[in-house]
């Protein structure tokens, strides 16, 4: 069956890929919240369709609704939030954190 972690991963990837079409050079998004109800089983070799709907944009925060169906019925629904980040600044913060960890 279609596992819940796979559904969450698919929602994350589809949301990010779609949002990338609207971002400036040097920007990306990171997931900050996911809440999914897995409400139906999808059997092996069936297809799923994931529909993402933007429900709110507040500065760099983008809130979306997610709706997942297979060829027969609804199988998932929920919300997903992504935050627009500057890649250079984000990588710099991560390098600072890495240096702190290595110093421990």
PDB file of N, CA and C in Angstrom:
ATOM      1  N   UNK A   1       0.838  -1.193   0.000  1.00  0.00           N
ATOM      2  CA  UNK A   1       0.000   0.000   0.000  1.00  0.00           C
ATOM      3  C   UNK A   1       0.881   1.254   0.000  1.00  0.00           C
ATOM      4  N   UNK A   2       0.270   2.374  -0.302  1.00  0.00           N
ATOM      5  CA  UNK A   2       0.933   3.675  -0.307  1.00  0.00           C
ATOM      6  C   UNK A   2       1.141   4.097   1.140  1.00  0.00           C
ATOM      7  N   UNK A   3       2.368   4.140   1.575  1.00  0.00           N
ATOM      8  CA  UNK A   3       2.689   4.430   2.970  1.00  0.00           C
ATOM      9  C   UNK A   3       2.554   5.920   3.274  1.00  0.00           C
ATOM     10  N   UNK A   4       2.186   6.220   4.503  1.00  0.00           N
ATOM     11  CA  UNK A   4       2.040   7.609   4.925  1.00  0.00           C
ATOM     12  C   UNK A   4       3.332   8.410   4.754  1.00  0.00           C
ATOM     13  N   UNK A   5       4.500   7.872   5.144  1.00  0.00           N
ATOM     14  CA  UNK A   5       5.728   8.658   4.906  1.00  0.00           C
ATOM     15  C   UNK A   5       5.957   8.953   3.422  1.00  0.00           C
ATOM     16  N   UNK A   6       5.577   8.044   2.548  1.00  0.00           N
ATOM     17  CA  UNK A   6       5.711   8.285   1.108  1.00  0.00           C
ATOM     18  C   UNK A   6       4.774   9.397   0.660  1.00  0.00           C
ATOM     19  N   UNK A   7       3.568   9.422   1.207  1.00  0.00           N
ATOM     20  CA  UNK A   7       2.613  10.471   0.870  1.00  0.00           C
ATOM     21  C   UNK A   7       3.155  11.836   1.295  1.00  0.00           C
ATOM     22  N   UNK A   8       3.682  11.909   2.503  1.00  0.00           N
ATOM     23  CA  UNK A   8       4.236  13.170   3.002  1.00  0.00           C
ATOM     24  C   UNK A   8       5.405  13.613   2.114  1.00  0.00           C
ATOM     25  N   UNK A   9       6.290  12.682   1.771  1.00  0.00           N
ATOM     26  CA  UNK A   9       7.421  13.013   0.911  1.00  0.00           C
ATOM     27  C   UNK A   9       6.953  13.524  -0.449  1.00  0.00           C
ATOM     28  N   UNK A  10       5.962  12.870  -1.027  1.00  0.00           N
ATOM     29  CA  UNK A  10       5.437  13.311  -2.321  1.00  0.00           C
ATOM     30  C   UNK A  10       4.824  14.708  -2.240  1.00  0.00           C
ATOM     31  N   UNK A  11       4.092  14.980  -1.177  1.00  0.00           N
ATOM     32  CA  UNK A  11       3.497  16.309  -0.989  1.00  0.00           C
ATOM     33  C   UNK A  11       4.595  17.365  -0.863  1.00  0.00           C
ATOM     34  N   UNK A  12       5.640  17.049  -0.090  1.00  0.00           N
ATOM     35  CA  UNK A  12       6.770  17.981   0.061  1.00  0.00           C
ATOM     36  C   UNK A  12       7.422  18.268  -1.290  1.00  0.00           C
ATOM     37  N   UNK A  13       7.729  17.220  -2.047  1.00  0.00           N
ATOM     38  CA  UNK A  13       8.412  17.394  -3.335  1.00  0.00           C
ATOM     39  C   UNK A  13       7.560  18.165  -4.337  1.00  0.00           C
ATOM     40  N   UNK A  14       6.298  17.818  -4.439  1.00  0.00           N
ATOM     41  CA  UNK A  14       5.419  18.499  -5.400  1.00  0.00           C
ATOM     42  C   UNK A  14       5.260  19.969  -5.033  1.00  0.00           C
ATOM     43  N   UNK A  15       5.093  20.247  -3.756  1.00  0.00           N
ATOM     44  CA  UNK A  15       4.943  21.639  -3.305  1.00  0.00           C
ATOM     45  C   UNK A  15       6.191  22.446  -3.606  1.00  0.00           C
ATOM     46  N   UNK A  16       7.352  21.896  -3.277  1.00  0.00           N
ATOM     47  CA  UNK A  16       8.605  22.615  -3.527  1.00  0.00           C
ATOM     48  C   UNK A  16       8.808  22.843  -5.019  1.00  0.00           C
ATOM     49  N   UNK A  17       8.655  21.789  -5.807  1.00  0.00           N
ATOM     50  CA  UNK A  17       8.879  21.918  -7.248  1.00  0.00           C
ATOM     51  C   UNK A  17       7.958  22.968  -7.866  1.00  0.00           C
ATOM     52  N   UNK A  18       6.705  22.994  -7.447  1.00  0.00           N
ATOM     53  CA  UNK A  18       5.760  23.966  -7.988  1.00  0.00           C
ATOM     54  C   UNK A  18       6.155  25.381  -7.582  1.00  0.00           C
ATOM     55  N   UNK A  19       6.485  25.570  -6.298  1.00  0.00           N
ATOM     56  CA  UNK A  19       6.851  26.906  -5.827  1.00  0.00           C
ATOM     57  C   UNK A  19       8.123  27.425  -6.498  1.00  0.00           C
ATOM     58  N   UNK A  20       9.039  26.549  -6.850  1.00  0.00           N
ATOM     59  CA  UNK A  20      10.296  26.973  -7.469  1.00  0.00           C
ATOM     60  C   UNK A  20      10.054  27.760  -8.761  1.00  0.00           C
ATOM     61  N   UNK A  21       8.959  27.492  -9.427  1.00  0.00           N
ATOM     62  CA  UNK A  21       8.632  28.207 -10.662  1.00  0.00           C
ATOM     63  C   UNK A  21       8.419  29.706 -10.430  1.00  0.00           C
ATOM     64  N   UNK A  22       8.122  30.103  -9.196  1.00  0.00           N
ATOM     65  CA  UNK A  22       7.763  31.482  -8.891  1.00  0.00           C
ATOM     66  C   UNK A  22       8.834  32.227  -8.099  1.00  0.00           C
ATOM     67  N   UNK A  23       9.936  31.561  -7.788  1.00  0.00           N
ATOM     68  CA  UNK A  23      10.965  32.170  -6.947  1.00  0.00           C
ATOM     69  C   UNK A  23      12.037  32.861  -7.772  1.00  0.00           C
ATOM     70  N   UNK A  24      12.733  33.767  -7.109  1.00  0.00           N
ATOM     71  CA  UNK A  24      13.861  34.456  -7.738  1.00  0.00           C
ATOM     72  C   UNK A  24      15.098  33.564  -7.701  1.00  0.00           C
ATOM     73  N   UNK A  25      16.061  33.923  -8.535  1.00  0.00           N
ATOM     74  CA  UNK A  25      17.358  33.241  -8.540  1.00  0.00           C
ATOM     75  C   UNK A  25      17.942  33.296  -7.127  1.00  0.00           C
ATOM     76  N   UNK A  26      18.450  32.193  -6.641  1.00  0.00           N
ATOM     77  CA  UNK A  26      19.058  32.150  -5.316  1.00  0.00           C
ATOM     78  C   UNK A  26      18.093  31.850  -4.193  1.00  0.00           C
ATOM     79  N   UNK A  27      16.817  31.681  -4.522  1.00  0.00           N
ATOM     80  CA  UNK A  27      15.827  31.337  -3.496  1.00  0.00           C
ATOM     81  C   UNK A  27      15.441  29.867  -3.609  1.00  0.00           C
ATOM     82  N   UNK A  28      14.979  29.326  -2.508  1.00  0.00           N
ATOM     83  CA  UNK A  28      14.456  27.964  -2.447  1.00  0.00           C
ATOM     84  C   UNK A  28      13.414  27.963  -1.338  1.00  0.00           C
ATOM     85  N   UNK A  29      12.818  26.830  -1.077  1.00  0.00           N
ATOM     86  CA  UNK A  29      11.883  26.731   0.038  1.00  0.00           C
ATOM     87  C   UNK A  29      12.260  25.560   0.920  1.00  0.00           C
ATOM     88  N   UNK A  30      11.868  25.674   2.177  1.00  0.00           N
ATOM     89  CA  UNK A  30      12.025  24.578   3.126  1.00  0.00           C
ATOM     90  C   UNK A  30      10.666  24.308   3.762  1.00  0.00           C
ATOM     91  N   UNK A  31      10.388  23.042   3.995  1.00  0.00           N
ATOM     92  CA  UNK A  31       9.153  22.681   4.671  1.00  0.00           C
ATOM     93  C   UNK A  31       9.258  23.006   6.149  1.00  0.00           C
ATOM     94  N   UNK A  32       8.183  23.571   6.698  1.00  0.00           N
ATOM     95  CA  UNK A  32       8.186  23.921   8.117  1.00  0.00           C
ATOM     96  C   UNK A  32       7.060  23.250   8.902  1.00  0.00           C
ATOM     97  N   UNK A  33       6.079  22.699   8.194  1.00  0.00           N
ATOM     98  CA  UNK A  33       4.959  22.050   8.885  1.00  0.00           C
ATOM     99  C   UNK A  33       4.225  21.136   7.916  1.00  0.00           C
ATOM    100  N   UNK A  34       3.867  19.951   8.412  1.00  0.00           N
ATOM    101  CA  UNK A  34       3.041  19.022   7.645  1.00  0.00           C
ATOM    102  C   UNK A  34       2.047  18.388   8.609  1.00  0.00           C
ATOM    103  N   UNK A  35       0.787  18.362   8.218  1.00  0.00           N
ATOM    104  CA  UNK A  35      -0.243  17.660   8.978  1.00  0.00           C
ATOM    105  C   UNK A  35      -1.129  16.941   7.972  1.00  0.00           C
ATOM    106  N   UNK A  36      -1.028  15.626   7.922  1.00  0.00           N
ATOM    107  CA  UNK A  36      -1.723  14.839   6.913  1.00  0.00           C
ATOM    108  C   UNK A  36      -2.581  13.766   7.574  1.00  0.00           C
ATOM    109  N   UNK A  37      -3.815  13.660   7.119  1.00  0.00           N
ATOM    110  CA  UNK A  37      -4.674  12.538   7.496  1.00  0.00           C
ATOM    111  C   UNK A  37      -4.645  11.542   6.349  1.00  0.00           C
ATOM    112  N   UNK A  38      -4.195  10.334   6.635  1.00  0.00           N
ATOM    113  CA  UNK A  38      -4.175   9.267   5.632  1.00  0.00           C
ATOM    114  C   UNK A  38      -5.488   8.510   5.803  1.00  0.00           C
ATOM    115  N   UNK A  39      -6.429   8.726   4.883  1.00  0.00           N
ATOM    116  CA  UNK A  39      -7.806   8.276   5.097  1.00  0.00           C
ATOM    117  C   UNK A  39      -8.230   7.087   4.241  1.00  0.00           C
ATOM    118  N   UNK A  40      -7.338   6.594   3.374  1.00  0.00           N
ATOM    119  CA  UNK A  40      -7.690   5.445   2.545  1.00  0.00           C
ATOM    120  C   UNK A  40      -6.445   4.741   2.056  1.00  0.00           C
ATOM    121  N   UNK A  41      -6.569   3.453   1.821  1.00  0.00           N
ATOM    122  CA  UNK A  41      -5.441   2.660   1.333  1.00  0.00           C
ATOM    123  C   UNK A  41      -5.403   2.686  -0.191  1.00  0.00           C
ATOM    124  N   UNK A  42      -4.199   2.793  -0.732  1.00  0.00           N
ATOM    125  CA  UNK A  42      -3.988   2.722  -2.174  1.00  0.00           C
ATOM    126  C   UNK A  42      -3.190   1.465  -2.457  1.00  0.00           C
ATOM    127  N   UNK A  43      -3.705   0.616  -3.323  1.00  0.00           N
ATOM    128  CA  UNK A  43      -3.031  -0.655  -3.600  1.00  0.00           C
ATOM    129  C   UNK A  43      -1.853  -0.456  -4.548  1.00  0.00           C
ATOM    130  N   UNK A  44      -0.955  -1.407  -4.509  1.00  0.00           N
ATOM    131  CA  UNK A  44       0.227  -1.381  -5.366  1.00  0.00           C
ATOM    132  C   UNK A  44      -0.174  -1.263  -6.834  1.00  0.00           C
ATOM    133  N   UNK A  45       0.573  -0.475  -7.574  1.00  0.00           N
ATOM    134  CA  UNK A  45       0.401  -0.221  -9.010  1.00  0.00           C
ATOM    135  C   UNK A  45      -0.770   0.702  -9.352  1.00  0.00           C
ATOM    136  N   UNK A  46      -1.499   1.217  -8.359  1.00  0.00           N
ATOM    137  CA  UNK A  46      -2.492   2.246  -8.646  1.00  0.00           C
ATOM    138  C   UNK A  46      -1.753   3.583  -8.684  1.00  0.00           C
ATOM    139  N   UNK A  47      -2.352   4.577  -9.278  1.00  0.00           N
ATOM    140  CA  UNK A  47      -1.729   5.895  -9.332  1.00  0.00           C
ATOM    141  C   UNK A  47      -2.400   6.802  -8.312  1.00  0.00           C
ATOM    142  N   UNK A  48      -1.671   7.845  -7.920  1.00  0.00           N
ATOM    143  CA  UNK A  48      -2.238   8.851  -7.033  1.00  0.00           C
ATOM    144  C   UNK A  48      -2.074  10.217  -7.684  1.00  0.00           C
ATOM    145  N   UNK A  49      -3.000  11.088  -7.354  1.00  0.00           N
ATOM    146  CA  UNK A  49      -2.932  12.468  -7.805  1.00  0.00           C
ATOM    147  C   UNK A  49      -2.906  13.352  -6.576  1.00  0.00           C
ATOM    148  N   UNK A  50      -1.969  14.283  -6.556  1.00  0.00           N
ATOM    149  CA  UNK A  50      -1.835  15.202  -5.428  1.00  0.00           C
ATOM    150  C   UNK A  50      -2.131  16.611  -5.926  1.00  0.00           C
ATOM    151  N   UNK A  51      -3.098  17.245  -5.289  1.00  0.00           N
ATOM    152  CA  UNK A  51      -3.473  18.613  -5.619  1.00  0.00           C
ATOM    153  C   UNK A  51      -3.054  19.513  -4.467  1.00  0.00           C
ATOM    154  N   UNK A  52      -2.303  20.538  -4.803  1.00  0.00           N
ATOM    155  CA  UNK A  52      -1.842  21.513  -3.812  1.00  0.00           C
ATOM    156  C   UNK A  52      -2.567  22.827  -4.086  1.00  0.00           C
ATOM    157  N   UNK A  53      -3.117  23.429  -3.038  1.00  0.00           N
ATOM    158  CA  UNK A  53      -3.803  24.710  -3.157  1.00  0.00           C
ATOM    159  C   UNK A  53      -3.197  25.692  -2.164  1.00  0.00           C
ATOM    160  N   UNK A  54      -2.733  26.819  -2.658  1.00  0.00           N
ATOM    161  CA  UNK A  54      -2.196  27.845  -1.758  1.00  0.00           C
ATOM    162  C   UNK A  54      -3.371  28.467  -1.010  1.00  0.00           C
ATOM    163  N   UNK A  55      -3.274  28.451   0.315  1.00  0.00           N
ATOM    164  CA  UNK A  55      -4.343  29.008   1.146  1.00  0.00           C
ATOM    165  C   UNK A  55      -3.972  30.344   1.767  1.00  0.00           C
ATOM    166  N   UNK A  56      -2.656  30.605   1.882  1.00  0.00           N
ATOM    167  CA  UNK A  56      -2.223  31.877   2.470  1.00  0.00           C
ATOM    168  C   UNK A  56      -0.762  32.119   2.112  1.00  0.00           C
ATOM    169  N   UNK A  57      -0.446  33.368   1.852  1.00  0.00           N
ATOM    170  CA  UNK A  57       0.942  33.803   1.710  1.00  0.00           C
ATOM    171  C   UNK A  57       1.127  34.949   2.685  1.00  0.00           C
ATOM    172  N   UNK A  58       2.059  34.773   3.592  1.00  0.00           N
ATOM    173  CA  UNK A  58       2.333  35.789   4.610  1.00  0.00           C
ATOM    174  C   UNK A  58       3.834  36.054   4.595  1.00  0.00           C
ATOM    175  N   UNK A  59       4.246  37.059   3.837  1.00  0.00           N
ATOM    176  CA  UNK A  59       5.677  37.315   3.677  1.00  0.00           C
ATOM    177  C   UNK A  59       6.313  36.145   2.942  1.00  0.00           C
ATOM    178  N   UNK A  60       7.260  35.493   3.594  1.00  0.00           N
ATOM    179  CA  UNK A  60       7.952  34.355   2.979  1.00  0.00           C
ATOM    180  C   UNK A  60       7.322  33.012   3.336  1.00  0.00           C
ATOM    181  N   UNK A  61       6.273  33.022   4.151  1.00  0.00           N
ATOM    182  CA  UNK A  61       5.571  31.793   4.527  1.00  0.00           C
ATOM    183  C   UNK A  61       4.450  31.511   3.539  1.00  0.00           C
ATOM    184  N   UNK A  62       4.433  30.296   2.998  1.00  0.00           N
ATOM    185  CA  UNK A  62       3.378  29.876   2.068  1.00  0.00           C
ATOM    186  C   UNK A  62       2.667  28.681   2.701  1.00  0.00           C
ATOM    187  N   UNK A  63       1.357  28.836   2.941  1.00  0.00           N
ATOM    188  CA  UNK A  63       0.541  27.761   3.503  1.00  0.00           C
ATOM    189  C   UNK A  63      -0.277  27.142   2.379  1.00  0.00           C
ATOM    190  N   UNK A  64      -0.322  25.811   2.364  1.00  0.00           N
ATOM    191  CA  UNK A  64      -1.021  25.093   1.300  1.00  0.00           C
ATOM    192  C   UNK A  64      -1.891  23.985   1.875  1.00  0.00           C
ATOM    193  N   UNK A  65      -2.966  23.712   1.159  1.00  0.00           N
ATOM    194  CA  UNK A  65      -3.766  22.540   1.433  1.00  0.00           C
ATOM    195  C   UNK A  65      -3.345  21.442   0.468  1.00  0.00           C
ATOM    196  N   UNK A  66      -3.420  20.208   0.918  1.00  0.00           N
ATOM    197  CA  UNK A  66      -3.067  19.067   0.080  1.00  0.00           C
ATOM    198  C   UNK A  66      -4.247  18.100   0.029  1.00  0.00           C
ATOM    199  N   UNK A  67      -4.519  17.599  -1.175  1.00  0.00           N
ATOM    200  CA  UNK A  67      -5.594  16.628  -1.375  1.00  0.00           C
ATOM    201  C   UNK A  67      -5.035  15.494  -2.229  1.00  0.00           C
ATOM    202  N   UNK A  68      -5.125  14.261  -1.734  1.00  0.00           N
ATOM    203  CA  UNK A  68      -4.539  13.115  -2.415  1.00  0.00           C
ATOM    204  C   UNK A  68      -5.642  12.121  -2.742  1.00  0.00           C
ATOM    205  N   UNK A  69      -5.691  11.712  -3.998  1.00  0.00           N
ATOM    206  CA  UNK A  69      -6.674  10.711  -4.432  1.00  0.00           C
ATOM    207  C   UNK A  69      -5.955   9.610  -5.196  1.00  0.00           C
ATOM    208  N   UNK A  70      -6.541   8.417  -5.178  1.00  0.00           N
ATOM    209  CA  UNK A  70      -6.090   7.374  -6.088  1.00  0.00           C
ATOM    210  C   UNK A  70      -7.151   7.253  -7.175  1.00  0.00           C
ATOM    211  N   UNK A  71      -7.137   6.188  -7.949  1.00  0.00           N
ATOM    212  CA  UNK A  71      -8.089   6.093  -9.061  1.00  0.00           C
ATOM    213  C   UNK A  71      -9.526   5.851  -8.611  1.00  0.00           C
ATOM    214  N   UNK A  72      -9.725   5.579  -7.313  1.00  0.00           N
ATOM    215  CA  UNK A  72     -11.062   5.260  -6.800  1.00  0.00           C
ATOM    216  C   UNK A  72     -11.590   6.300  -5.804  1.00  0.00           C
ATOM    217  N   UNK A  73     -10.728   6.752  -4.891  1.00  0.00           N
ATOM    218  CA  UNK A  73     -11.236   7.531  -3.758  1.00  0.00           C
ATOM    219  C   UNK A  73     -10.186   8.491  -3.198  1.00  0.00           C
ATOM    220  N   UNK A  74     -10.633   9.328  -2.256  1.00  0.00           N
ATOM    221  CA  UNK A  74      -9.723  10.178  -1.492  1.00  0.00           C
ATOM    222  C   UNK A  74      -8.859   9.282  -0.604  1.00  0.00           C
ATOM    223  N   UNK A  75      -7.573   9.569  -0.549  1.00  0.00           N
ATOM    224  CA  UNK A  75      -6.688   8.783   0.315  1.00  0.00           C
ATOM    225  C   UNK A  75      -5.915   9.637   1.309  1.00  0.00           C
ATOM    226  N   UNK A  76      -5.905  10.954   1.117  1.00  0.00           N
ATOM    227  CA  UNK A  76      -5.200  11.807   2.056  1.00  0.00           C
ATOM    228  C   UNK A  76      -5.614  13.256   1.924  1.00  0.00           C
ATOM    229  N   UNK A  77      -5.509  13.985   3.029  1.00  0.00           N
ATOM    230  CA  UNK A  77      -5.792  15.415   3.009  1.00  0.00           C
ATOM    231  C   UNK A  77      -5.040  16.054   4.167  1.00  0.00           C
ATOM    232  N   UNK A  78      -4.694  17.314   3.989  1.00  0.00           N
ATOM    233  CA  UNK A  78      -4.003  17.975   5.075  1.00  0.00           C
ATOM    234  C   UNK A  78      -3.453  19.319   4.672  1.00  0.00           C
ATOM    235  N   UNK A  79      -2.459  19.770   5.434  1.00  0.00           N
ATOM    236  CA  UNK A  79      -1.847  21.063   5.190  1.00  0.00           C
ATOM    237  C   UNK A  79      -0.331  20.910   5.148  1.00  0.00           C
ATOM    238  N   UNK A  80       0.286  21.829   4.431  1.00  0.00           N
ATOM    239  CA  UNK A  80       1.745  21.854   4.337  1.00  0.00           C
ATOM    240  C   UNK A  80       2.179  23.314   4.255  1.00  0.00           C
ATOM    241  N   UNK A  81       3.180  23.679   5.058  1.00  0.00           N
ATOM    242  CA  UNK A  81       3.717  25.035   5.047  1.00  0.00           C
ATOM    243  C   UNK A  81       5.155  24.989   4.554  1.00  0.00           C
ATOM    244  N   UNK A  82       5.508  25.953   3.727  1.00  0.00           N
ATOM    245  CA  UNK A  82       6.876  26.091   3.248  1.00  0.00           C
ATOM    246  C   UNK A  82       7.316  27.534   3.443  1.00  0.00           C
ATOM    247  N   UNK A  83       8.605  27.715   3.658  1.00  0.00           N
ATOM    248  CA  UNK A  83       9.173  29.035   3.907  1.00  0.00           C
ATOM    249  C   UNK A  83      10.214  29.317   2.837  1.00  0.00           C
ATOM    250  N   UNK A  84      10.120  30.488   2.208  1.00  0.00           N
ATOM    251  CA  UNK A  84      11.067  30.875   1.170  1.00  0.00           C
ATOM    252  C   UNK A  84      12.357  31.344   1.844  1.00  0.00           C
ATOM    253  N   UNK A  85      13.488  30.781   1.400  1.00  0.00           N
ATOM    254  CA  UNK A  85      14.783  31.133   1.983  1.00  0.00           C
ATOM    255  C   UNK A  85      15.757  31.580   0.906  1.00  0.00           C
ATOM    256  N   UNK A  86      16.721  32.373   1.334  1.00  0.00           N
ATOM    257  CA  UNK A  86      17.860  32.740   0.499  1.00  0.00           C
ATOM    258  C   UNK A  86      18.900  31.631   0.673  1.00  0.00           C
ATOM    259  N   UNK A  87      19.266  30.962  -0.420  1.00  0.00           N
ATOM    260  CA  UNK A  87      20.155  29.803  -0.321  1.00  0.00           C
ATOM    261  C   UNK A  87      21.518  30.159   0.258  1.00  0.00           C
ATOM    262  N   UNK A  88      22.100  31.266  -0.146  1.00  0.00           N
ATOM    263  CA  UNK A  88      23.435  31.632   0.349  1.00  0.00           C
ATOM    264  C   UNK A  88      23.401  31.873   1.857  1.00  0.00           C
ATOM    265  N   UNK A  89      22.403  32.623   2.342  1.00  0.00           N
ATOM    266  CA  UNK A  89      22.296  32.879   3.779  1.00  0.00           C
ATOM    267  C   UNK A  89      22.028  31.586   4.557  1.00  0.00           C
ATOM    268  N   UNK A  90      21.182  30.716   3.992  1.00  0.00           N
ATOM    269  CA  UNK A  90      20.868  29.451   4.662  1.00  0.00           C
ATOM    270  C   UNK A  90      22.103  28.570   4.764  1.00  0.00           C
ATOM    271  N   UNK A  91      22.852  28.443   3.670  1.00  0.00           N
ATOM    272  CA  UNK A  91      24.065  27.627   3.699  1.00  0.00           C
ATOM    273  C   UNK A  91      25.093  28.200   4.676  1.00  0.00           C
ATOM    274  N   UNK A  92      25.187  29.522   4.761  1.00  0.00           N
ATOM    275  CA  UNK A  92      26.116  30.150   5.700  1.00  0.00           C
ATOM    276  C   UNK A  92      25.740  29.803   7.140  1.00  0.00           C
ATOM    277  N   UNK A  93      24.445  29.875   7.466  1.00  0.00           N
ATOM    278  CA  UNK A  93      23.992  29.513   8.818  1.00  0.00           C
ATOM    279  C   UNK A  93      24.285  28.045   9.121  1.00  0.00           C
ATOM    280  N   UNK A  94      24.106  27.184   8.126  1.00  0.00           N
ATOM    281  CA  UNK A  94      24.381  25.764   8.335  1.00  0.00           C
ATOM    282  C   UNK A  94      25.871  25.509   8.548  1.00  0.00           C
ATOM    283  N   UNK A  95      26.714  26.229   7.834  1.00  0.00           N
ATOM    284  CA  UNK A  95      28.160  26.074   8.019  1.00  0.00           C
ATOM    285  C   UNK A  95      28.571  26.540   9.417  1.00  0.00           C
ATOM    286  N   UNK A  96      27.963  27.633   9.905  1.00  0.00           N
ATOM    287  CA  UNK A  96      28.243  28.089  11.264  1.00  0.00           C
ATOM    288  C   UNK A  96      27.848  27.022  12.283  1.00  0.00           C
ATOM    289  N   UNK A  97      26.715  26.418  12.065  1.00  0.00           N
ATOM    290  CA  UNK A  97      26.253  25.368  12.977  1.00  0.00           C
ATOM    291  C   UNK A  97      27.181  24.164  12.915  1.00  0.00           C
ATOM    292  N   UNK A  98      27.587  23.788  11.702  1.00  0.00           N
ATOM    293  CA  UNK A  98      28.510  22.660  11.536  1.00  0.00           C
ATOM    294  C   UNK A  98      29.812  22.927  12.295  1.00  0.00           C
ATOM    295  N   UNK A  99      30.327  24.162  12.205  1.00  0.00           N
ATOM    296  CA  UNK A  99      31.562  24.513  12.903  1.00  0.00           C
ATOM    297  C   UNK A  99      31.386  24.399  14.427  1.00  0.00           C
ATOM    298  N   UNK A 100      30.245  24.816  14.951  1.00  0.00           N
ATOM    299  CA  UNK A 100      29.968  24.707  16.382  1.00  0.00           C
ATOM    300  C   UNK A 100      29.924  23.244  16.804  1.00  0.00           C
ATOM    301  N   UNK A 101      29.326  22.405  15.994  1.00  0.00           N
ATOM    302  CA  UNK A 101      29.243  20.983  16.320  1.00  0.00           C
ATOM    303  C   UNK A 101      30.625  20.357  16.323  1.00  0.00           C
ATOM    304  N   UNK A 102      31.424  20.706  15.325  1.00  0.00           N
ATOM    305  CA  UNK A 102      32.787  20.155  15.248  1.00  0.00           C
ATOM    306  C   UNK A 102      33.650  20.621  16.407  1.00  0.00           C
ATOM    307  N   UNK A 103      33.329  21.791  16.972  1.00  0.00           N
ATOM    308  CA  UNK A 103      34.115  22.322  18.098  1.00  0.00           C
ATOM    309  C   UNK A 103      33.751  21.651  19.420  1.00  0.00           C
ATOM    310  N   UNK A 104      32.660  20.919  19.452  1.00  0.00           N
ATOM    311  CA  UNK A 104      32.245  20.264  20.712  1.00  0.00           C
ATOM    312  C   UNK A 104      33.200  19.167  21.135  1.00  0.00           C
TER     313      UNK A 104
END
